[in-house]
Amino acid sequence: MSRRVAVYGAGSWGTAFSMVLADAGCEVTLWGRRAKLVDAINATHSNPDYLPQVKLPGTVRATTDPGEAAGGADIAVLAVSAQKVRPLLEEWRELKLWEPGTVFVSLMKGIELGTGRLMSEVLAETTGAGPDRIAVLSGPNLAGEIVARMPAASVVASSAEETAARIQAACHTPYFRPYTNHDVIGCELGGAIKNVIALAVGVTDGMRLGDNAKASLITRGLAEATRLGVAMGASPLTLAGLAGMGDLVATCSSTLSRNHTFGHHLGRGLTVEEARAATTQTAEGVASCQAVQGLAEHHDVEMPITRTVVDMIHGARAPHEAVRELMSRAPTSESAGR
């Protein structure tokens, strides 16, 4: 049975996921802010600003009207910046766009600054939806590969098994394989923290510090994510799976990753503002690293790589100094919590 899905956010990932949904048999309305981009998507069936080489299925159409996107949709997918979603949803809440049974799906991989809220929590607070109507999708999902219909797997997490299964069915294609999970916290933390670690890996790649450094950061980064996840009630198995280790490896290893690219610019000597201009698209880890560090402090969890990234991006610490300090910490056991 065909489903109607509203996707909010016409960037790379929102556009790519719209294609996945359409290939799975859904009718998709893609919301974007800019009329020029929306008109181009409808006229050419491609997104000239983000994925110009990709031809979108005919069952994907675009609009600047959030109400038009919501019309008749039983699933609303959010693919906007993690730091911008709350004011957007608060504005739309007054318009009463969605039906009472609409399921909300977060593609966002970040943590809200100031509140430390996960995206599922922001969705609950701004839409009034209960946990049975909220799901998150996370995993090694580089948009540039997915739109080429290259094989990828992901995790759909919801506290309600029926909701997770519903979203799973809506996006399962021959090239995109979603698994269900009930661990929303673990999936969201994995998706947010991997962006922070990818910034650090990008810095070391920009400094040409080698594959040993990269492997060490990925592994110790996973340890940081797992420690915080367990402290917040997540399962360590989730962090060892697609939404944790899988997403971490992909984001830290690929030049398609915005966060890795941003870090690479820093490692080559660019300032934060120069790196932001050169990256062009939002690198969620740049803002979320502070929120992750805040959660770590609140739960008394040591996250030295995260702290180092915060120092480099928001403390004006030079990368070579930050790396030296990170490596100079007192030696300890691998199983210790730092």
C-alpha atoms as a PDB file:
ATOM      1  CA  MET A   1       0.000   0.000   0.000  1.00  0.00           C
ATOM      2  CA  SER A   2       1.353   3.407  -0.976  1.00  0.00           C
ATOM      3  CA  ARG A   3       2.141   5.801   1.880  1.00  0.00           C
ATOM      4  CA  ARG A   4       2.291   9.569   1.785  1.00  0.00           C
ATOM      5  CA  VAL A   5       5.378  10.981   3.480  1.00  0.00           C
ATOM      6  CA  ALA A   6       6.390  14.577   4.163  1.00  0.00           C
ATOM      7  CA  VAL A   7      10.148  15.209   4.268  1.00  0.00           C
ATOM      8  CA  TYR A   8      11.204  18.512   5.805  1.00  0.00           C
ATOM      9  CA  GLY A   9      14.650  19.591   4.618  1.00  0.00           C
ATOM     10  CA  ALA A  10      15.801  19.691   0.992  1.00  0.00           C
ATOM     11  CA  GLY A  11      19.500  19.319   1.686  1.00  0.00           C
ATOM     12  CA  SER A  12      21.605  16.305   0.716  1.00  0.00           C
ATOM     13  CA  TRP A  13      20.245  13.823   3.257  1.00  0.00           C
ATOM     14  CA  GLY A  14      16.629  14.948   3.031  1.00  0.00           C
ATOM     15  CA  THR A  15      16.754  14.664  -0.743  1.00  0.00           C
ATOM     16  CA  ALA A  16      18.515  11.296  -0.659  1.00  0.00           C
ATOM     17  CA  PHE A  17      16.034   9.853   1.827  1.00  0.00           C
ATOM     18  CA  SER A  18      13.152  11.161  -0.286  1.00  0.00           C
ATOM     19  CA  MET A  19      14.523   9.042  -3.124  1.00  0.00           C
ATOM     20  CA  VAL A  20      14.743   6.003  -0.837  1.00  0.00           C
ATOM     21  CA  LEU A  21      11.137   6.459   0.289  1.00  0.00           C
ATOM     22  CA  ALA A  22       9.947   6.872  -3.291  1.00  0.00           C
ATOM     23  CA  ASP A  23      11.840   3.772  -4.402  1.00  0.00           C
ATOM     24  CA  ALA A  24      10.118   1.900  -1.556  1.00  0.00           C
ATOM     25  CA  GLY A  25       6.719   2.886  -2.981  1.00  0.00           C
ATOM     26  CA  CYS A  26       5.881   6.066  -1.051  1.00  0.00           C
ATOM     27  CA  GLU A  27       4.528   9.322  -2.418  1.00  0.00           C
ATOM     28  CA  VAL A  28       6.866  12.000  -1.097  1.00  0.00           C
ATOM     29  CA  THR A  29       6.482  15.747  -0.678  1.00  0.00           C
ATOM     30  CA  LEU A  30       9.818  17.425   0.031  1.00  0.00           C
ATOM     31  CA  TRP A  31       9.707  20.742   1.885  1.00  0.00           C
ATOM     32  CA  GLY A  32      12.399  23.371   1.305  1.00  0.00           C
ATOM     33  CA  ARG A  33      12.775  26.979   2.380  1.00  0.00           C
ATOM     34  CA  ARG A  34      13.885  28.461  -0.939  1.00  0.00           C
ATOM     35  CA  ALA A  35      11.369  28.819  -3.758  1.00  0.00           C
ATOM     36  CA  LYS A  36      14.089  28.802  -6.416  1.00  0.00           C
ATOM     37  CA  LEU A  37      15.381  25.414  -5.284  1.00  0.00           C
ATOM     38  CA  VAL A  38      11.876  23.959  -4.921  1.00  0.00           C
ATOM     39  CA  ASP A  39      10.941  25.134  -8.408  1.00  0.00           C
ATOM     40  CA  ALA A  40      14.107  23.570  -9.823  1.00  0.00           C
ATOM     41  CA  ILE A  41      13.378  20.229  -8.129  1.00  0.00           C
ATOM     42  CA  ASN A  42       9.871  20.158  -9.586  1.00  0.00           C
ATOM     43  CA  ALA A  43      11.007  21.240 -13.059  1.00  0.00           C
ATOM     44  CA  THR A  44      14.086  19.019 -13.428  1.00  0.00           C
ATOM     45  CA  HIS A  45      13.480  16.178 -10.899  1.00  0.00           C
ATOM     46  CA  SER A  46      16.909  16.903  -9.434  1.00  0.00           C
ATOM     47  CA  ASN A  47      18.352  19.021  -6.633  1.00  0.00           C
ATOM     48  CA  PRO A  48      20.795  21.397  -8.359  1.00  0.00           C
ATOM     49  CA  ASP A  49      22.245  22.811  -5.136  1.00  0.00           C
ATOM     50  CA  TYR A  50      23.106  19.548  -3.384  1.00  0.00           C
ATOM     51  CA  LEU A  51      22.769  16.507  -5.664  1.00  0.00           C
ATOM     52  CA  PRO A  52      22.669  17.840  -9.234  1.00  0.00           C
ATOM     53  CA  GLN A  53      23.692  14.546 -10.813  1.00  0.00           C
ATOM     54  CA  VAL A  54      20.772  12.585  -9.347  1.00  0.00           C
ATOM     55  CA  LYS A  55      17.430  12.076 -11.073  1.00  0.00           C
ATOM     56  CA  LEU A  56      14.660  11.861  -8.497  1.00  0.00           C
ATOM     57  CA  PRO A  57      11.660   9.541  -8.987  1.00  0.00           C
ATOM     58  CA  GLY A  58       8.492  11.119 -10.337  1.00  0.00           C
ATOM     59  CA  THR A  59       6.728  10.407  -7.030  1.00  0.00           C
ATOM     60  CA  VAL A  60       8.878  13.066  -5.309  1.00  0.00           C
ATOM     61  CA  ARG A  61       7.605  16.635  -5.527  1.00  0.00           C
ATOM     62  CA  ALA A  62       8.712  19.741  -3.638  1.00  0.00           C
ATOM     63  CA  THR A  63       7.019  22.689  -1.952  1.00  0.00           C
ATOM     64  CA  THR A  64       7.823  25.695   0.238  1.00  0.00           C
ATOM     65  CA  ASP A  65       4.507  25.281   2.068  1.00  0.00           C
ATOM     66  CA  PRO A  66       4.852  23.102   5.196  1.00  0.00           C
ATOM     67  CA  GLY A  67       1.097  22.581   5.274  1.00  0.00           C
ATOM     68  CA  GLU A  68       1.039  21.308   1.702  1.00  0.00           C
ATOM     69  CA  ALA A  69       3.801  18.872   2.570  1.00  0.00           C
ATOM     70  CA  ALA A  70       1.845  17.643   5.590  1.00  0.00           C
ATOM     71  CA  GLY A  71      -1.421  17.187   3.710  1.00  0.00           C
ATOM     72  CA  GLY A  72      -2.464  13.538   3.797  1.00  0.00           C
ATOM     73  CA  ALA A  73       0.936  12.371   5.101  1.00  0.00           C
ATOM     74  CA  ASP A  74       0.962   9.778   7.864  1.00  0.00           C
ATOM     75  CA  ILE A  75       4.756  10.078   8.302  1.00  0.00           C
ATOM     76  CA  ALA A  76       6.694  13.336   8.785  1.00  0.00           C
ATOM     77  CA  VAL A  77      10.466  13.107   8.359  1.00  0.00           C
ATOM     78  CA  LEU A  78      12.700  15.847   9.803  1.00  0.00           C
ATOM     79  CA  ALA A  79      16.011  16.423   8.002  1.00  0.00           C
ATOM     80  CA  VAL A  80      16.859  19.990   9.014  1.00  0.00           C
ATOM     81  CA  SER A  81      19.733  21.287  11.160  1.00  0.00           C
ATOM     82  CA  ALA A  82      19.621  20.023  14.730  1.00  0.00           C
ATOM     83  CA  GLN A  83      20.077  23.558  16.049  1.00  0.00           C
ATOM     84  CA  LYS A  84      17.210  24.978  13.972  1.00  0.00           C
ATOM     85  CA  VAL A  85      14.520  22.358  14.380  1.00  0.00           C
ATOM     86  CA  ARG A  86      12.969  23.612  17.647  1.00  0.00           C
ATOM     87  CA  PRO A  87      12.005  27.132  16.444  1.00  0.00           C
ATOM     88  CA  LEU A  88      10.803  25.671  13.156  1.00  0.00           C
ATOM     89  CA  LEU A  89       8.519  23.133  14.838  1.00  0.00           C
ATOM     90  CA  GLU A  90       7.295  25.663  17.377  1.00  0.00           C
ATOM     91  CA  GLU A  91       6.284  27.927  14.502  1.00  0.00           C
ATOM     92  CA  TRP A  92       4.548  25.094  12.683  1.00  0.00           C
ATOM     93  CA  ARG A  93       2.793  23.816  15.796  1.00  0.00           C
ATOM     94  CA  GLU A  94       0.608  26.912  15.726  1.00  0.00           C
ATOM     95  CA  LEU A  95      -0.473  26.000  12.188  1.00  0.00           C
ATOM     96  CA  LYS A  96      -1.743  22.553  13.282  1.00  0.00           C
ATOM     97  CA  LEU A  97      -0.219  20.886  10.224  1.00  0.00           C
ATOM     98  CA  TRP A  98      -0.326  17.234  11.232  1.00  0.00           C
ATOM     99  CA  GLU A  99      -3.023  14.690  11.956  1.00  0.00           C
ATOM    100  CA  PRO A 100      -3.151  13.254  15.506  1.00  0.00           C
ATOM    101  CA  GLY A 101      -1.697   9.927  14.402  1.00  0.00           C
ATOM    102  CA  THR A 102       1.235  11.268  12.373  1.00  0.00           C
ATOM    103  CA  VAL A 103       4.546   9.520  13.099  1.00  0.00           C
ATOM    104  CA  PHE A 104       7.621  11.754  13.305  1.00  0.00           C
ATOM    105  CA  VAL A 105      10.996  10.459  12.128  1.00  0.00           C
ATOM    106  CA  SER A 106      14.260  12.237  12.918  1.00  0.00           C
ATOM    107  CA  LEU A 107      17.152  11.996  10.458  1.00  0.00           C
ATOM    108  CA  MET A 108      19.003  14.657  12.463  1.00  0.00           C
ATOM    109  CA  LYS A 109      22.315  13.729  14.076  1.00  0.00           C
ATOM    110  CA  GLY A 110      22.942  16.335  16.718  1.00  0.00           C
ATOM    111  CA  ILE A 111      22.236  17.451  20.270  1.00  0.00           C
ATOM    112  CA  GLU A 112      20.547  20.745  21.069  1.00  0.00           C
ATOM    113  CA  LEU A 113      22.821  23.438  22.458  1.00  0.00           C
ATOM    114  CA  GLY A 114      21.756  24.947  25.751  1.00  0.00           C
ATOM    115  CA  THR A 115      19.344  22.161  26.703  1.00  0.00           C
ATOM    116  CA  GLY A 116      21.330  19.001  25.913  1.00  0.00           C
ATOM    117  CA  ARG A 117      18.152  17.540  24.426  1.00  0.00           C
ATOM    118  CA  LEU A 118      18.263  14.668  21.956  1.00  0.00           C
ATOM    119  CA  MET A 119      16.305  15.226  18.758  1.00  0.00           C
ATOM    120  CA  SER A 120      13.588  12.779  19.820  1.00  0.00           C
ATOM    121  CA  GLU A 121      13.114  14.859  22.962  1.00  0.00           C
ATOM    122  CA  VAL A 122      12.874  18.076  20.931  1.00  0.00           C
ATOM    123  CA  LEU A 123      10.259  16.420  18.698  1.00  0.00           C
ATOM    124  CA  ALA A 124       8.232  15.330  21.720  1.00  0.00           C
ATOM    125  CA  GLU A 125       8.362  18.764  23.320  1.00  0.00           C
ATOM    126  CA  THR A 126       7.429  20.698  20.174  1.00  0.00           C
ATOM    127  CA  THR A 127       4.833  18.407  18.570  1.00  0.00           C
ATOM    128  CA  GLY A 128       3.213  16.852  21.640  1.00  0.00           C
ATOM    129  CA  ALA A 129       3.715  13.391  20.123  1.00  0.00           C
ATOM    130  CA  GLY A 130       4.176  10.505  22.533  1.00  0.00           C
ATOM    131  CA  PRO A 131       7.123   8.092  22.290  1.00  0.00           C
ATOM    132  CA  ASP A 132       4.984   5.666  20.268  1.00  0.00           C
ATOM    133  CA  ARG A 133       4.805   8.280  17.484  1.00  0.00           C
ATOM    134  CA  ILE A 134       8.518   9.139  17.373  1.00  0.00           C
ATOM    135  CA  ALA A 135      11.322   7.273  15.626  1.00  0.00           C
ATOM    136  CA  VAL A 136      14.922   8.027  14.719  1.00  0.00           C
ATOM    137  CA  LEU A 137      16.887   6.710  11.771  1.00  0.00           C
ATOM    138  CA  SER A 138      20.652   6.439  12.008  1.00  0.00           C
ATOM    139  CA  GLY A 139      23.551   4.501  10.543  1.00  0.00           C
ATOM    140  CA  PRO A 140      26.341   4.670   7.952  1.00  0.00           C
ATOM    141  CA  ASN A 141      24.281   6.650   5.458  1.00  0.00           C
ATOM    142  CA  LEU A 142      26.463   8.888   3.300  1.00  0.00           C
ATOM    143  CA  ALA A 143      23.993  10.631   1.000  1.00  0.00           C
ATOM    144  CA  GLY A 144      26.330  10.653  -1.997  1.00  0.00           C
ATOM    145  CA  GLU A 145      26.465   6.846  -2.029  1.00  0.00           C
ATOM    146  CA  ILE A 146      22.805   6.275  -1.275  1.00  0.00           C
ATOM    147  CA  VAL A 147      21.631   8.393  -4.214  1.00  0.00           C
ATOM    148  CA  ALA A 148      23.841   6.202  -6.401  1.00  0.00           C
ATOM    149  CA  ARG A 149      21.770   3.314  -4.992  1.00  0.00           C
ATOM    150  CA  MET A 150      24.868   1.699  -3.495  1.00  0.00           C
ATOM    151  CA  PRO A 151      24.159  -0.816  -0.695  1.00  0.00           C
ATOM    152  CA  ALA A 152      23.638   0.643   2.779  1.00  0.00           C
ATOM    153  CA  ALA A 153      22.092  -0.436   6.056  1.00  0.00           C
ATOM    154  CA  SER A 154      20.571   1.640   8.816  1.00  0.00           C
ATOM    155  CA  VAL A 155      18.673   1.452  12.108  1.00  0.00           C
ATOM    156  CA  VAL A 156      15.133   2.643  12.789  1.00  0.00           C
ATOM    157  CA  ALA A 157      14.698   3.079  16.526  1.00  0.00           C
ATOM    158  CA  SER A 158      11.485   3.656  18.442  1.00  0.00           C
ATOM    159  CA  SER A 159      10.241   2.663  21.868  1.00  0.00           C
ATOM    160  CA  ALA A 160       7.203   1.242  20.045  1.00  0.00           C
ATOM    161  CA  GLU A 161       8.048  -1.837  17.994  1.00  0.00           C
ATOM    162  CA  GLU A 162       5.063  -1.271  15.703  1.00  0.00           C
ATOM    163  CA  THR A 163       6.254   2.258  14.869  1.00  0.00           C
ATOM    164  CA  ALA A 164       9.793   1.096  14.079  1.00  0.00           C
ATOM    165  CA  ALA A 165       8.412  -1.659  11.848  1.00  0.00           C
ATOM    166  CA  ARG A 166       6.155   0.844  10.076  1.00  0.00           C
ATOM    167  CA  ILE A 167       9.087   3.128   9.198  1.00  0.00           C
ATOM    168  CA  GLN A 168      11.208   0.124   8.273  1.00  0.00           C
ATOM    169  CA  ALA A 169       8.615  -0.948   5.712  1.00  0.00           C
ATOM    170  CA  ALA A 170       8.359   2.579   4.322  1.00  0.00           C
ATOM    171  CA  CYS A 171      12.070   2.807   3.441  1.00  0.00           C
ATOM    172  CA  HIS A 172      13.150  -0.770   2.669  1.00  0.00           C
ATOM    173  CA  THR A 173      14.547  -1.072  -0.863  1.00  0.00           C
ATOM    174  CA  PRO A 174      16.918  -3.483  -2.651  1.00  0.00           C
ATOM    175  CA  TYR A 175      19.818  -1.141  -1.797  1.00  0.00           C
ATOM    176  CA  PHE A 176      18.701   0.301   1.561  1.00  0.00           C
ATOM    177  CA  ARG A 177      18.263  -2.194   4.397  1.00  0.00           C
ATOM    178  CA  PRO A 178      16.814  -0.819   7.661  1.00  0.00           C
ATOM    179  CA  TYR A 179      16.903  -2.787  10.922  1.00  0.00           C
ATOM    180  CA  THR A 180      14.632  -2.034  13.884  1.00  0.00           C
ATOM    181  CA  ASN A 181      15.784  -1.243  17.412  1.00  0.00           C
ATOM    182  CA  HIS A 182      14.102  -0.002  20.606  1.00  0.00           C
ATOM    183  CA  ASP A 183      17.170   1.873  21.902  1.00  0.00           C
ATOM    184  CA  VAL A 184      16.403   5.446  20.831  1.00  0.00           C
ATOM    185  CA  ILE A 185      19.002   7.002  23.151  1.00  0.00           C
ATOM    186  CA  GLY A 186      21.815   4.768  21.891  1.00  0.00           C
ATOM    187  CA  CYS A 187      20.994   5.395  18.243  1.00  0.00           C
ATOM    188  CA  GLU A 188      20.812   9.158  18.714  1.00  0.00           C
ATOM    189  CA  LEU A 189      24.005   9.407  20.751  1.00  0.00           C
ATOM    190  CA  GLY A 190      25.873   7.279  18.218  1.00  0.00           C
ATOM    191  CA  GLY A 191      24.765   9.564  15.400  1.00  0.00           C
ATOM    192  CA  ALA A 192      25.683  12.755  17.253  1.00  0.00           C
ATOM    193  CA  ILE A 193      29.005  11.717  18.772  1.00  0.00           C
ATOM    194  CA  LYS A 194      30.382  10.231  15.565  1.00  0.00           C
ATOM    195  CA  ASN A 195      30.289  13.745  14.070  1.00  0.00           C
ATOM    196  CA  VAL A 196      32.504  15.012  16.877  1.00  0.00           C
ATOM    197  CA  ILE A 197      34.989  12.178  16.467  1.00  0.00           C
ATOM    198  CA  ALA A 198      34.976  12.698  12.686  1.00  0.00           C
ATOM    199  CA  LEU A 199      36.093  16.286  13.241  1.00  0.00           C
ATOM    200  CA  ALA A 200      39.071  15.005  15.231  1.00  0.00           C
ATOM    201  CA  VAL A 201      39.916  12.387  12.597  1.00  0.00           C
ATOM    202  CA  GLY A 202      39.638  15.013   9.872  1.00  0.00           C
ATOM    203  CA  VAL A 203      42.152  17.177  11.744  1.00  0.00           C
ATOM    204  CA  THR A 204      44.680  14.343  11.959  1.00  0.00           C
ATOM    205  CA  ASP A 205      44.165  13.532   8.272  1.00  0.00           C
ATOM    206  CA  GLY A 206      44.692  17.195   7.404  1.00  0.00           C
ATOM    207  CA  MET A 207      47.901  17.136   9.438  1.00  0.00           C
ATOM    208  CA  ARG A 208      48.917  13.877   7.706  1.00  0.00           C
ATOM    209  CA  LEU A 209      49.398  12.022  10.978  1.00  0.00           C
ATOM    210  CA  GLY A 210      48.668   8.628   9.444  1.00  0.00           C
ATOM    211  CA  ASP A 211      46.302   5.684   9.686  1.00  0.00           C
ATOM    212  CA  ASN A 212      47.449   4.626  13.162  1.00  0.00           C
ATOM    213  CA  ALA A 213      46.237   7.950  14.525  1.00  0.00           C
ATOM    214  CA  LYS A 214      42.944   7.569  12.646  1.00  0.00           C
ATOM    215  CA  ALA A 215      42.344   4.045  13.940  1.00  0.00           C
ATOM    216  CA  SER A 216      43.196   5.111  17.477  1.00  0.00           C
ATOM    217  CA  LEU A 217      40.745   8.018  17.398  1.00  0.00           C
ATOM    218  CA  ILE A 218      37.949   5.902  15.926  1.00  0.00           C
ATOM    219  CA  THR A 219      38.414   3.195  18.565  1.00  0.00           C
ATOM    220  CA  ARG A 220      38.776   5.534  21.526  1.00  0.00           C
ATOM    221  CA  GLY A 221      35.947   7.648  20.139  1.00  0.00           C
ATOM    222  CA  LEU A 222      33.708   4.605  20.234  1.00  0.00           C
ATOM    223  CA  ALA A 223      34.752   4.065  23.857  1.00  0.00           C
ATOM    224  CA  GLU A 224      33.685   7.644  24.655  1.00  0.00           C
ATOM    225  CA  ALA A 225      30.320   7.199  22.954  1.00  0.00           C
ATOM    226  CA  THR A 226      29.725   3.915  24.769  1.00  0.00           C
ATOM    227  CA  ARG A 227      30.588   5.353  28.180  1.00  0.00           C
ATOM    228  CA  LEU A 228      28.186   8.251  27.752  1.00  0.00           C
ATOM    229  CA  GLY A 229      25.526   6.015  26.231  1.00  0.00           C
ATOM    230  CA  VAL A 230      25.601   3.552  29.128  1.00  0.00           C
ATOM    231  CA  ALA A 231      25.480   6.434  31.618  1.00  0.00           C
ATOM    232  CA  MET A 232      22.332   7.707  29.895  1.00  0.00           C
ATOM    233  CA  GLY A 233      20.646   4.309  29.747  1.00  0.00           C
ATOM    234  CA  ALA A 234      21.632   3.101  26.269  1.00  0.00           C
ATOM    235  CA  SER A 235      22.747  -0.422  25.434  1.00  0.00           C
ATOM    236  CA  PRO A 236      26.455  -0.881  24.608  1.00  0.00           C
ATOM    237  CA  LEU A 237      25.323  -3.270  21.857  1.00  0.00           C
ATOM    238  CA  THR A 238      23.658  -0.357  20.063  1.00  0.00           C
ATOM    239  CA  LEU A 239      26.910   1.600  20.077  1.00  0.00           C
ATOM    240  CA  ALA A 240      28.702  -1.468  18.711  1.00  0.00           C
ATOM    241  CA  GLY A 241      26.177  -1.708  15.859  1.00  0.00           C
ATOM    242  CA  LEU A 242      25.208   0.232  12.751  1.00  0.00           C
ATOM    243  CA  ALA A 243      24.146   3.405  14.564  1.00  0.00           C
ATOM    244  CA  GLY A 244      27.371   3.448  16.571  1.00  0.00           C
ATOM    245  CA  MET A 245      30.451   1.769  15.124  1.00  0.00           C
ATOM    246  CA  GLY A 246      29.018   1.571  11.615  1.00  0.00           C
ATOM    247  CA  ASP A 247      28.227   5.271  11.353  1.00  0.00           C
ATOM    248  CA  LEU A 248      31.490   6.181  13.091  1.00  0.00           C
ATOM    249  CA  VAL A 249      33.639   4.261  10.600  1.00  0.00           C
ATOM    250  CA  ALA A 250      31.830   5.659   7.571  1.00  0.00           C
ATOM    251  CA  THR A 251      31.907   9.258   8.776  1.00  0.00           C
ATOM    252  CA  CYS A 252      35.530   9.158   9.900  1.00  0.00           C
ATOM    253  CA  SER A 253      36.796   7.427   6.760  1.00  0.00           C
ATOM    254  CA  SER A 254      34.984   9.147   3.909  1.00  0.00           C
ATOM    255  CA  THR A 255      35.708  12.383   2.078  1.00  0.00           C
ATOM    256  CA  LEU A 256      31.917  12.591   1.587  1.00  0.00           C
ATOM    257  CA  SER A 257      31.568  13.381   5.307  1.00  0.00           C
ATOM    258  CA  ARG A 258      30.990  17.066   6.085  1.00  0.00           C
ATOM    259  CA  ASN A 259      32.452  16.742   9.577  1.00  0.00           C
ATOM    260  CA  HIS A 260      35.566  14.951   8.379  1.00  0.00           C
ATOM    261  CA  THR A 261      35.961  17.599   5.674  1.00  0.00           C
ATOM    262  CA  PHE A 262      35.604  20.419   8.208  1.00  0.00           C
ATOM    263  CA  GLY A 263      38.250  18.842  10.446  1.00  0.00           C
ATOM    264  CA  HIS A 264      40.524  18.281   7.454  1.00  0.00           C
ATOM    265  CA  HIS A 265      40.394  22.005   6.701  1.00  0.00           C
ATOM    266  CA  LEU A 266      41.400  22.772  10.295  1.00  0.00           C
ATOM    267  CA  GLY A 267      44.255  20.286  10.117  1.00  0.00           C
ATOM    268  CA  ARG A 268      45.540  21.997   6.974  1.00  0.00           C
ATOM    269  CA  GLY A 269      45.704  25.308   8.819  1.00  0.00           C
ATOM    270  CA  LEU A 270      42.397  27.010   8.043  1.00  0.00           C
ATOM    271  CA  THR A 271      40.629  28.943  10.786  1.00  0.00           C
ATOM    272  CA  VAL A 272      37.223  27.802  12.024  1.00  0.00           C
ATOM    273  CA  GLU A 273      35.492  30.502   9.973  1.00  0.00           C
ATOM    274  CA  GLU A 274      37.517  29.607   6.864  1.00  0.00           C
ATOM    275  CA  ALA A 275      36.686  25.916   7.385  1.00  0.00           C
ATOM    276  CA  ARG A 276      33.000  26.758   7.781  1.00  0.00           C
ATOM    277  CA  ALA A 277      33.025  28.705   4.496  1.00  0.00           C
ATOM    278  CA  ALA A 278      34.947  25.984   2.672  1.00  0.00           C
ATOM    279  CA  THR A 279      32.684  23.146   3.891  1.00  0.00           C
ATOM    280  CA  THR A 280      29.532  24.964   2.589  1.00  0.00           C
ATOM    281  CA  GLN A 281      27.067  22.513   4.209  1.00  0.00           C
ATOM    282  CA  THR A 282      26.285  22.187   7.915  1.00  0.00           C
ATOM    283  CA  ALA A 283      28.755  20.100   9.907  1.00  0.00           C
ATOM    284  CA  GLU A 284      26.581  19.179  12.893  1.00  0.00           C
ATOM    285  CA  GLY A 285      29.548  18.258  15.092  1.00  0.00           C
ATOM    286  CA  VAL A 286      30.764  21.862  15.148  1.00  0.00           C
ATOM    287  CA  ALA A 287      27.816  22.915  17.304  1.00  0.00           C
ATOM    288  CA  SER A 288      26.991  19.568  18.902  1.00  0.00           C
ATOM    289  CA  CYS A 289      30.479  19.011  20.338  1.00  0.00           C
ATOM    290  CA  GLN A 290      29.687  21.539  23.068  1.00  0.00           C
ATOM    291  CA  ALA A 291      26.364  19.861  23.812  1.00  0.00           C
ATOM    292  CA  VAL A 292      28.049  16.435  23.957  1.00  0.00           C
ATOM    293  CA  GLN A 293      30.665  17.811  26.349  1.00  0.00           C
ATOM    294  CA  GLY A 294      27.868  19.262  28.473  1.00  0.00           C
ATOM    295  CA  LEU A 295      26.180  15.852  28.687  1.00  0.00           C
ATOM    296  CA  ALA A 296      29.509  14.239  29.580  1.00  0.00           C
ATOM    297  CA  GLU A 297      30.027  16.690  32.443  1.00  0.00           C
ATOM    298  CA  HIS A 298      26.440  16.261  33.645  1.00  0.00           C
ATOM    299  CA  HIS A 299      26.817  12.469  33.764  1.00  0.00           C
ATOM    300  CA  ASP A 300      30.419  12.606  35.065  1.00  0.00           C
ATOM    301  CA  VAL A 301      31.829  10.804  32.012  1.00  0.00           C
ATOM    302  CA  GLU A 302      35.371  11.420  30.754  1.00  0.00           C
ATOM    303  CA  MET A 303      35.439  12.244  27.008  1.00  0.00           C
ATOM    304  CA  PRO A 304      38.930  13.603  26.242  1.00  0.00           C
ATOM    305  CA  ILE A 305      38.591  13.516  22.442  1.00  0.00           C
ATOM    306  CA  THR A 306      35.351  15.454  22.621  1.00  0.00           C
ATOM    307  CA  ARG A 307      36.922  17.987  24.976  1.00  0.00           C
ATOM    308  CA  THR A 308      39.858  18.386  22.572  1.00  0.00           C
ATOM    309  CA  VAL A 309      37.496  19.064  19.657  1.00  0.00           C
ATOM    310  CA  VAL A 310      35.659  21.690  21.713  1.00  0.00           C
ATOM    311  CA  ASP A 311      38.998  23.338  22.522  1.00  0.00           C
ATOM    312  CA  MET A 312      40.001  23.432  18.845  1.00  0.00           C
ATOM    313  CA  ILE A 313      36.722  24.781  17.518  1.00  0.00           C
ATOM    314  CA  HIS A 314      35.452  26.973  20.339  1.00  0.00           C
ATOM    315  CA  GLY A 315      38.603  27.593  22.370  1.00  0.00           C
ATOM    316  CA  ALA A 316      40.907  28.659  19.535  1.00  0.00           C
ATOM    317  CA  ARG A 317      43.383  25.909  20.450  1.00  0.00           C
ATOM    318  CA  ALA A 318      45.770  25.182  17.568  1.00  0.00           C
ATOM    319  CA  PRO A 319      45.392  21.612  16.246  1.00  0.00           C
ATOM    320  CA  HIS A 320      49.044  20.675  16.835  1.00  0.00           C
ATOM    321  CA  GLU A 321      48.795  21.839  20.463  1.00  0.00           C
ATOM    322  CA  ALA A 322      45.502  20.009  20.979  1.00  0.00           C
ATOM    323  CA  VAL A 323      46.891  16.755  19.567  1.00  0.00           C
ATOM    324  CA  ARG A 324      50.015  17.014  21.724  1.00  0.00           C
ATOM    325  CA  GLU A 325      47.932  17.553  24.878  1.00  0.00           C
ATOM    326  CA  LEU A 326      45.621  14.662  23.998  1.00  0.00           C
ATOM    327  CA  MET A 327      48.574  12.310  23.572  1.00  0.00           C
ATOM    328  CA  SER A 328      50.325  13.586  26.716  1.00  0.00           C
ATOM    329  CA  ARG A 329      47.592  12.598  29.146  1.00  0.00           C
ATOM    330  CA  ALA A 330      48.601  10.231  31.928  1.00  0.00           C
ATOM    331  CA  PRO A 331      48.719   6.613  30.696  1.00  0.00           C
ATOM    332  CA  THR A 332      45.950   4.344  31.932  1.00  0.00           C
ATOM    333  CA  SER A 333      44.257   0.988  31.351  1.00  0.00           C
ATOM    334  CA  GLU A 334      42.272   0.564  28.127  1.00  0.00           C
ATOM    335  CA  SER A 335      39.219  -0.436  30.154  1.00  0.00           C
ATOM    336  CA  ALA A 336      39.423   2.653  32.366  1.00  0.00           C
ATOM    337  CA  GLY A 337      36.809   5.326  31.846  1.00  0.00           C
ATOM    338  CA  ARG A 338      39.137   7.893  30.277  1.00  0.00           C
END
